[in-house]
Amino acid sequence: MRMHLAAAAAALLLAGIGAAAAEDVVIQPEQETVIKEYVKKQPLASVKVPGVELNVGTALPDTVELHEVPNVKYRYTVIDNRTVVVDPSTRKVVKIIQ
């Protein structure tokens, strides 16, 4: 019985950690709108990143240039014709817009 309680407590703890991590990458709707509008006005050439599967949470290599969006903490780039929003402190993809 104690093992089941310990396992349940561990699962709840891990679920809480996962939820907290997910909150760190939430882009507010206002920020997303600013990013989308800026990207339309400042189009970039698409690049290829061999060996990288493009998903939310994927860390991009240092060879990928990240571009600033004024007044937004995130950066963006275009990979395989998709606009990718990246957290510059971790270089992880937080959103794929297109």
N, C-alpha and C. Protein backbone atom coordinates (compact mmCIF):
# COMPACT_ATOMS: atom_id res chain seq x y z
N MET A 1 0.82 -1.19 0.00
CA MET A 1 0.00 0.00 0.00
C MET A 1 0.87 1.26 0.00
N ARG A 2 1.94 1.24 0.79
CA ARG A 2 2.82 2.41 0.84
C ARG A 2 3.51 2.63 -0.51
N MET A 3 3.82 1.55 -1.21
CA MET A 3 4.47 1.69 -2.52
C MET A 3 3.54 2.38 -3.50
N HIS A 4 2.23 2.05 -3.45
CA HIS A 4 1.27 2.68 -4.34
C HIS A 4 1.14 4.16 -4.03
N LEU A 5 1.15 4.51 -2.76
CA LEU A 5 1.07 5.92 -2.38
C LEU A 5 2.31 6.68 -2.83
N ALA A 6 3.46 6.06 -2.67
CA ALA A 6 4.71 6.69 -3.08
C ALA A 6 4.73 6.89 -4.59
N ALA A 7 4.28 5.89 -5.33
CA ALA A 7 4.24 6.00 -6.79
C ALA A 7 3.27 7.08 -7.22
N ALA A 8 2.11 7.15 -6.56
CA ALA A 8 1.13 8.18 -6.88
C ALA A 8 1.68 9.56 -6.58
N ALA A 9 2.36 9.72 -5.46
CA ALA A 9 2.94 11.01 -5.09
C ALA A 9 4.01 11.41 -6.10
N ALA A 10 4.83 10.47 -6.52
CA ALA A 10 5.87 10.76 -7.51
C ALA A 10 5.26 11.18 -8.83
N ALA A 11 4.19 10.50 -9.24
CA ALA A 11 3.53 10.85 -10.50
C ALA A 11 2.96 12.26 -10.44
N LEU A 12 2.34 12.61 -9.31
CA LEU A 12 1.78 13.95 -9.17
C LEU A 12 2.88 15.00 -9.18
N LEU A 13 4.00 14.72 -8.53
CA LEU A 13 5.11 15.65 -8.51
C LEU A 13 5.64 15.87 -9.92
N LEU A 14 5.84 14.78 -10.67
CA LEU A 14 6.33 14.90 -12.04
C LEU A 14 5.33 15.63 -12.93
N ALA A 15 4.05 15.39 -12.74
CA ALA A 15 3.04 16.08 -13.53
C ALA A 15 3.09 17.58 -13.24
N GLY A 16 3.31 17.95 -11.99
CA GLY A 16 3.43 19.36 -11.64
C GLY A 16 4.63 20.01 -12.27
N ILE A 17 5.74 19.28 -12.32
CA ILE A 17 6.95 19.81 -12.95
C ILE A 17 6.70 20.00 -14.44
N GLY A 18 6.05 19.03 -15.07
CA GLY A 18 5.75 19.15 -16.50
C GLY A 18 4.85 20.32 -16.79
N ALA A 19 3.85 20.54 -15.94
CA ALA A 19 2.94 21.67 -16.14
C ALA A 19 3.68 22.98 -15.97
N ALA A 20 4.58 23.06 -15.00
CA ALA A 20 5.34 24.29 -14.79
C ALA A 20 6.24 24.56 -15.99
N ALA A 21 6.87 23.52 -16.53
CA ALA A 21 7.74 23.70 -17.69
C ALA A 21 6.94 24.17 -18.89
N ALA A 22 5.73 23.64 -19.07
CA ALA A 22 4.89 24.04 -20.19
C ALA A 22 4.51 25.50 -20.08
N GLU A 23 4.30 25.99 -18.87
CA GLU A 23 3.92 27.38 -18.68
C GLU A 23 5.03 28.33 -19.12
N ASP A 24 6.26 27.91 -19.02
CA ASP A 24 7.38 28.76 -19.37
C ASP A 24 7.40 29.11 -20.85
N VAL A 25 6.78 28.31 -21.70
CA VAL A 25 6.84 28.55 -23.14
C VAL A 25 5.52 29.03 -23.73
N VAL A 26 4.62 29.47 -22.91
CA VAL A 26 3.35 29.98 -23.42
C VAL A 26 3.56 31.39 -23.95
N ILE A 27 3.19 31.59 -25.20
CA ILE A 27 3.27 32.91 -25.80
C ILE A 27 1.90 33.56 -25.67
N GLN A 28 1.87 34.72 -25.07
CA GLN A 28 0.62 35.44 -24.91
C GLN A 28 0.06 35.81 -26.29
N PRO A 29 -1.27 35.83 -26.43
CA PRO A 29 -1.87 36.16 -27.74
C PRO A 29 -1.38 37.49 -28.31
N GLU A 30 -1.17 38.47 -27.44
CA GLU A 30 -0.70 39.78 -27.93
C GLU A 30 0.69 39.65 -28.53
N GLN A 31 1.55 38.86 -27.85
CA GLN A 31 2.91 38.66 -28.36
C GLN A 31 2.89 37.90 -29.68
N GLU A 32 2.03 36.91 -29.77
CA GLU A 32 1.94 36.13 -31.00
C GLU A 32 1.51 37.01 -32.17
N THR A 33 0.56 37.91 -31.91
CA THR A 33 0.10 38.84 -32.94
C THR A 33 1.24 39.75 -33.38
N VAL A 34 1.99 40.29 -32.43
CA VAL A 34 3.12 41.16 -32.74
C VAL A 34 4.15 40.39 -33.58
N ILE A 35 4.44 39.16 -33.19
CA ILE A 35 5.42 38.35 -33.92
C ILE A 35 4.94 38.10 -35.35
N LYS A 36 3.69 37.68 -35.51
CA LYS A 36 3.16 37.39 -36.85
C LYS A 36 3.21 38.62 -37.75
N GLU A 37 2.81 39.78 -37.22
CA GLU A 37 2.82 41.00 -38.02
C GLU A 37 4.25 41.40 -38.39
N TYR A 38 5.18 41.28 -37.45
CA TYR A 38 6.56 41.63 -37.72
C TYR A 38 7.17 40.72 -38.77
N VAL A 39 6.90 39.43 -38.65
CA VAL A 39 7.44 38.45 -39.60
C VAL A 39 6.94 38.73 -41.01
N LYS A 40 5.68 39.14 -41.15
CA LYS A 40 5.15 39.47 -42.47
C LYS A 40 5.90 40.66 -43.08
N LYS A 41 6.28 41.62 -42.24
CA LYS A 41 6.96 42.83 -42.71
C LYS A 41 8.45 42.60 -42.91
N GLN A 42 9.02 41.60 -42.23
CA GLN A 42 10.45 41.32 -42.28
C GLN A 42 10.70 39.88 -42.71
N PRO A 43 10.31 39.52 -43.92
CA PRO A 43 10.47 38.12 -44.33
C PRO A 43 11.94 37.70 -44.42
N LEU A 44 12.17 36.46 -44.07
CA LEU A 44 13.51 35.90 -44.13
C LEU A 44 13.55 34.76 -45.14
N ALA A 45 14.72 34.51 -45.66
CA ALA A 45 14.90 33.33 -46.51
C ALA A 45 14.86 32.09 -45.63
N SER A 46 14.24 31.06 -46.13
CA SER A 46 14.16 29.80 -45.39
C SER A 46 15.51 29.10 -45.41
N VAL A 47 15.84 28.48 -44.29
CA VAL A 47 17.08 27.71 -44.20
C VAL A 47 16.75 26.25 -43.91
N LYS A 48 17.70 25.39 -44.19
CA LYS A 48 17.57 23.97 -43.85
C LYS A 48 18.52 23.68 -42.71
N VAL A 49 18.09 22.82 -41.80
CA VAL A 49 18.93 22.42 -40.68
C VAL A 49 18.99 20.90 -40.69
N PRO A 50 19.96 20.34 -41.40
CA PRO A 50 20.06 18.88 -41.50
C PRO A 50 20.21 18.23 -40.12
N GLY A 51 19.51 17.13 -39.96
CA GLY A 51 19.63 16.35 -38.72
C GLY A 51 18.80 16.87 -37.56
N VAL A 52 18.01 17.92 -37.79
CA VAL A 52 17.16 18.47 -36.72
C VAL A 52 15.71 18.25 -37.09
N GLU A 53 14.99 17.55 -36.21
CA GLU A 53 13.55 17.37 -36.40
C GLU A 53 12.86 18.56 -35.75
N LEU A 54 12.14 19.33 -36.55
CA LEU A 54 11.56 20.58 -36.10
C LEU A 54 10.26 20.35 -35.35
N ASN A 55 10.32 20.51 -34.03
CA ASN A 55 9.17 20.38 -33.15
C ASN A 55 9.28 21.40 -32.03
N VAL A 56 8.18 21.69 -31.36
CA VAL A 56 8.24 22.52 -30.17
C VAL A 56 9.11 21.78 -29.16
N GLY A 57 10.07 22.51 -28.58
CA GLY A 57 10.99 21.91 -27.62
C GLY A 57 12.34 21.54 -28.21
N THR A 58 12.44 21.51 -29.53
CA THR A 58 13.71 21.19 -30.19
C THR A 58 14.69 22.34 -29.98
N ALA A 59 15.90 22.04 -29.58
CA ALA A 59 16.95 23.05 -29.44
C ALA A 59 17.64 23.23 -30.79
N LEU A 60 17.73 24.46 -31.24
CA LEU A 60 18.39 24.74 -32.51
C LEU A 60 19.88 24.94 -32.30
N PRO A 61 20.69 24.47 -33.25
CA PRO A 61 22.14 24.64 -33.11
C PRO A 61 22.54 26.12 -33.22
N ASP A 62 23.72 26.42 -32.73
CA ASP A 62 24.23 27.80 -32.77
C ASP A 62 24.41 28.33 -34.19
N THR A 63 24.46 27.45 -35.16
CA THR A 63 24.65 27.87 -36.55
C THR A 63 23.39 28.52 -37.13
N VAL A 64 22.25 28.35 -36.47
CA VAL A 64 21.00 28.95 -36.95
C VAL A 64 20.91 30.37 -36.40
N GLU A 65 20.83 31.34 -37.30
CA GLU A 65 20.73 32.74 -36.88
C GLU A 65 19.32 33.05 -36.42
N LEU A 66 19.21 33.62 -35.22
CA LEU A 66 17.92 34.02 -34.67
C LEU A 66 17.77 35.53 -34.84
N HIS A 67 16.56 35.95 -35.21
CA HIS A 67 16.30 37.36 -35.49
C HIS A 67 15.37 37.95 -34.45
N GLU A 68 15.68 39.17 -34.07
CA GLU A 68 14.95 39.86 -33.02
C GLU A 68 13.60 40.36 -33.49
N VAL A 69 12.64 40.36 -32.58
CA VAL A 69 11.35 41.00 -32.78
C VAL A 69 11.29 42.11 -31.72
N PRO A 70 11.13 43.37 -32.13
CA PRO A 70 11.14 44.45 -31.15
C PRO A 70 10.09 44.25 -30.04
N ASN A 71 10.51 44.49 -28.82
CA ASN A 71 9.64 44.44 -27.63
C ASN A 71 9.08 43.06 -27.31
N VAL A 72 9.71 42.01 -27.83
CA VAL A 72 9.30 40.64 -27.53
C VAL A 72 10.55 39.88 -27.11
N LYS A 73 10.42 39.05 -26.08
CA LYS A 73 11.61 38.33 -25.59
C LYS A 73 12.06 37.22 -26.53
N TYR A 74 11.18 36.75 -27.40
CA TYR A 74 11.51 35.64 -28.29
C TYR A 74 12.15 36.13 -29.57
N ARG A 75 12.82 35.22 -30.25
CA ARG A 75 13.43 35.49 -31.55
C ARG A 75 12.74 34.59 -32.58
N TYR A 76 13.03 34.83 -33.85
CA TYR A 76 12.44 33.97 -34.87
C TYR A 76 13.43 33.67 -35.97
N THR A 77 13.11 32.63 -36.72
CA THR A 77 13.84 32.24 -37.91
C THR A 77 12.87 31.49 -38.80
N VAL A 78 13.27 31.21 -40.01
CA VAL A 78 12.43 30.44 -40.92
C VAL A 78 13.20 29.18 -41.32
N ILE A 79 12.63 28.04 -40.99
CA ILE A 79 13.24 26.75 -41.30
C ILE A 79 12.25 25.93 -42.10
N ASP A 80 12.69 25.42 -43.24
CA ASP A 80 11.82 24.61 -44.12
C ASP A 80 10.50 25.32 -44.40
N ASN A 81 10.59 26.63 -44.67
CA ASN A 81 9.44 27.47 -45.02
C ASN A 81 8.41 27.60 -43.89
N ARG A 82 8.85 27.35 -42.65
CA ARG A 82 7.97 27.54 -41.49
C ARG A 82 8.62 28.54 -40.55
N THR A 83 7.83 29.52 -40.10
CA THR A 83 8.34 30.49 -39.15
C THR A 83 8.38 29.85 -37.78
N VAL A 84 9.54 29.94 -37.14
CA VAL A 84 9.79 29.28 -35.88
C VAL A 84 10.12 30.34 -34.83
N VAL A 85 9.40 30.31 -33.71
CA VAL A 85 9.64 31.22 -32.60
C VAL A 85 10.52 30.48 -31.59
N VAL A 86 11.59 31.15 -31.15
CA VAL A 86 12.62 30.50 -30.34
C VAL A 86 12.90 31.31 -29.08
N ASP A 87 13.08 30.62 -27.97
CA ASP A 87 13.53 31.26 -26.73
C ASP A 87 15.04 31.43 -26.86
N PRO A 88 15.54 32.66 -26.93
CA PRO A 88 16.97 32.85 -27.17
C PRO A 88 17.88 32.35 -26.04
N SER A 89 17.35 32.26 -24.83
CA SER A 89 18.19 31.81 -23.71
C SER A 89 18.47 30.31 -23.76
N THR A 90 17.55 29.55 -24.36
CA THR A 90 17.73 28.09 -24.45
C THR A 90 17.88 27.62 -25.89
N ARG A 91 17.53 28.48 -26.84
CA ARG A 91 17.51 28.19 -28.28
C ARG A 91 16.47 27.11 -28.61
N LYS A 92 15.51 26.91 -27.70
CA LYS A 92 14.46 25.91 -27.95
C LYS A 92 13.28 26.55 -28.68
N VAL A 93 12.72 25.76 -29.60
CA VAL A 93 11.53 26.19 -30.33
C VAL A 93 10.35 26.23 -29.36
N VAL A 94 9.66 27.37 -29.32
CA VAL A 94 8.50 27.50 -28.45
C VAL A 94 7.19 27.50 -29.23
N LYS A 95 7.29 27.81 -30.54
CA LYS A 95 6.08 27.80 -31.37
C LYS A 95 6.49 27.74 -32.83
N ILE A 96 5.72 27.00 -33.60
CA ILE A 96 5.90 26.97 -35.05
C ILE A 96 4.66 27.64 -35.63
N ILE A 97 4.86 28.79 -36.30
CA ILE A 97 3.73 29.58 -36.77
C ILE A 97 3.25 29.09 -38.13
N GLN A 98 4.15 28.80 -39.04
CA GLN A 98 3.72 28.38 -40.38
C GLN A 98 4.40 27.08 -40.75
